[in-house]
C-alpha atoms as a PDB file:
ATOM      1  CA  UNK A   1     -12.535 -68.411  78.650  1.00  0.00           C
ATOM      2  CA  UNK A   2     -13.275 -71.655  80.435  1.00  0.00           C
ATOM      3  CA  UNK A   3     -16.985 -72.207  80.831  1.00  0.00           C
ATOM      4  CA  UNK A   4     -16.641 -75.976  81.201  1.00  0.00           C
ATOM      5  CA  UNK A   5     -15.304 -75.765  84.770  1.00  0.00           C
ATOM      6  CA  UNK A   6     -18.122 -73.638  86.225  1.00  0.00           C
ATOM      7  CA  UNK A   7     -20.722 -75.594  84.248  1.00  0.00           C
ATOM      8  CA  UNK A   8     -19.387 -78.892  85.628  1.00  0.00           C
ATOM      9  CA  UNK A   9     -19.484 -77.511  89.175  1.00  0.00           C
ATOM     10  CA  UNK A  10     -23.132 -76.536  88.843  1.00  0.00           C
ATOM     11  CA  UNK A  11     -24.250 -79.536  86.775  1.00  0.00           C
ATOM     12  CA  UNK A  12     -21.838 -82.490  86.749  1.00  0.00           C
ATOM     13  CA  UNK A  13     -21.690 -84.109  83.325  1.00  0.00           C
ATOM     14  CA  UNK A  14     -22.794 -80.981  81.478  1.00  0.00           C
ATOM     15  CA  UNK A  15     -19.379 -80.362  79.910  1.00  0.00           C
ATOM     16  CA  UNK A  16     -19.149 -83.851  78.432  1.00  0.00           C
ATOM     17  CA  UNK A  17     -22.780 -83.582  77.298  1.00  0.00           C
ATOM     18  CA  UNK A  18     -22.025 -80.285  75.544  1.00  0.00           C
ATOM     19  CA  UNK A  19     -19.037 -81.820  73.767  1.00  0.00           C
ATOM     20  CA  UNK A  20     -21.077 -84.883  72.755  1.00  0.00           C
ATOM     21  CA  UNK A  21     -23.886 -82.669  71.421  1.00  0.00           C
ATOM     22  CA  UNK A  22     -21.423 -80.592  69.401  1.00  0.00           C
ATOM     23  CA  UNK A  23     -19.866 -83.759  67.982  1.00  0.00           C
ATOM     24  CA  UNK A  24     -23.308 -85.095  67.043  1.00  0.00           C
ATOM     25  CA  UNK A  25     -23.770 -81.959  64.934  1.00  0.00           C
ATOM     26  CA  UNK A  26     -20.422 -82.485  63.225  1.00  0.00           C
ATOM     27  CA  UNK A  27     -18.700 -79.710  65.170  1.00  0.00           C
ATOM     28  CA  UNK A  28     -15.257 -79.784  66.751  1.00  0.00           C
ATOM     29  CA  UNK A  29     -14.667 -78.580  70.295  1.00  0.00           C
ATOM     30  CA  UNK A  30     -11.650 -76.742  71.661  1.00  0.00           C
ATOM     31  CA  UNK A  31     -10.733 -75.991  75.271  1.00  0.00           C
ATOM     32  CA  UNK A  32      -8.762 -72.937  76.357  1.00  0.00           C
ATOM     33  CA  UNK A  33      -6.647 -72.391  78.379  1.00  0.00           C
ATOM     34  CA  UNK A  34      -5.054 -75.376  80.088  1.00  0.00           C
ATOM     35  CA  UNK A  35      -2.463 -73.827  82.362  1.00  0.00           C
ATOM     36  CA  UNK A  36      -2.015 -76.745  84.773  1.00  0.00           C
ATOM     37  CA  UNK A  37      -1.917 -80.519  84.402  1.00  0.00           C
ATOM     38  CA  UNK A  38      -5.255 -80.644  86.247  1.00  0.00           C
ATOM     39  CA  UNK A  39      -6.812 -78.306  83.640  1.00  0.00           C
ATOM     40  CA  UNK A  40      -5.403 -80.439  80.832  1.00  0.00           C
ATOM     41  CA  UNK A  41      -6.710 -83.678  82.338  1.00  0.00           C
ATOM     42  CA  UNK A  42     -10.126 -82.128  82.968  1.00  0.00           C
ATOM     43  CA  UNK A  43     -10.499 -80.942  79.375  1.00  0.00           C
ATOM     44  CA  UNK A  44      -9.236 -84.268  78.042  1.00  0.00           C
ATOM     45  CA  UNK A  45     -11.827 -86.092  80.169  1.00  0.00           C
ATOM     46  CA  UNK A  46     -14.584 -84.126  78.425  1.00  0.00           C
ATOM     47  CA  UNK A  47     -13.524 -85.464  75.030  1.00  0.00           C
ATOM     48  CA  UNK A  48     -12.635 -82.141  73.408  1.00  0.00           C
ATOM     49  CA  UNK A  49     -10.840 -82.258  70.062  1.00  0.00           C
ATOM     50  CA  UNK A  50      -8.064 -79.831  70.970  1.00  0.00           C
ATOM     51  CA  UNK A  51      -6.665 -78.182  74.067  1.00  0.00           C
ATOM     52  CA  UNK A  52      -4.912 -74.831  73.883  1.00  0.00           C
ATOM     53  CA  UNK A  53      -2.195 -74.008  76.386  1.00  0.00           C
ATOM     54  CA  UNK A  54       0.007 -70.969  76.853  1.00  0.00           C
ATOM     55  CA  UNK A  55       2.788 -72.953  78.501  1.00  0.00           C
ATOM     56  CA  UNK A  56       4.989 -75.822  77.255  1.00  0.00           C
ATOM     57  CA  UNK A  57       3.358 -78.271  79.683  1.00  0.00           C
ATOM     58  CA  UNK A  58       0.907 -79.183  76.951  1.00  0.00           C
ATOM     59  CA  UNK A  59       3.666 -80.763  74.889  1.00  0.00           C
ATOM     60  CA  UNK A  60       4.423 -83.152  77.739  1.00  0.00           C
ATOM     61  CA  UNK A  61       0.766 -84.031  78.354  1.00  0.00           C
ATOM     62  CA  UNK A  62      -0.268 -84.455  74.719  1.00  0.00           C
ATOM     63  CA  UNK A  63      -0.652 -88.169  73.969  1.00  0.00           C
ATOM     64  CA  UNK A  64       1.727 -89.504  71.351  1.00  0.00           C
ATOM     65  CA  UNK A  65       0.398 -89.670  67.822  1.00  0.00           C
ATOM     66  CA  UNK A  66      -0.184 -93.279  66.761  1.00  0.00           C
ATOM     67  CA  UNK A  67       2.102 -94.689  64.103  1.00  0.00           C
ATOM     68  CA  UNK A  68       0.391 -95.105  60.703  1.00  0.00           C
END
């Protein structure tokens, strides 16, 4: 369930603040579901650690892993 979208509509910046607060506590954040490129880009802009998707689009939008 996406609560980031409605939260951002009511209070811009609240999604990124939530993610930052979770990170400051040593927690990881996950976004679900990203069913469109716009969803994916929105979740990525918040700084989440992982984005779940039910469609193969996520493979195309996932940044390449850096070479070691």
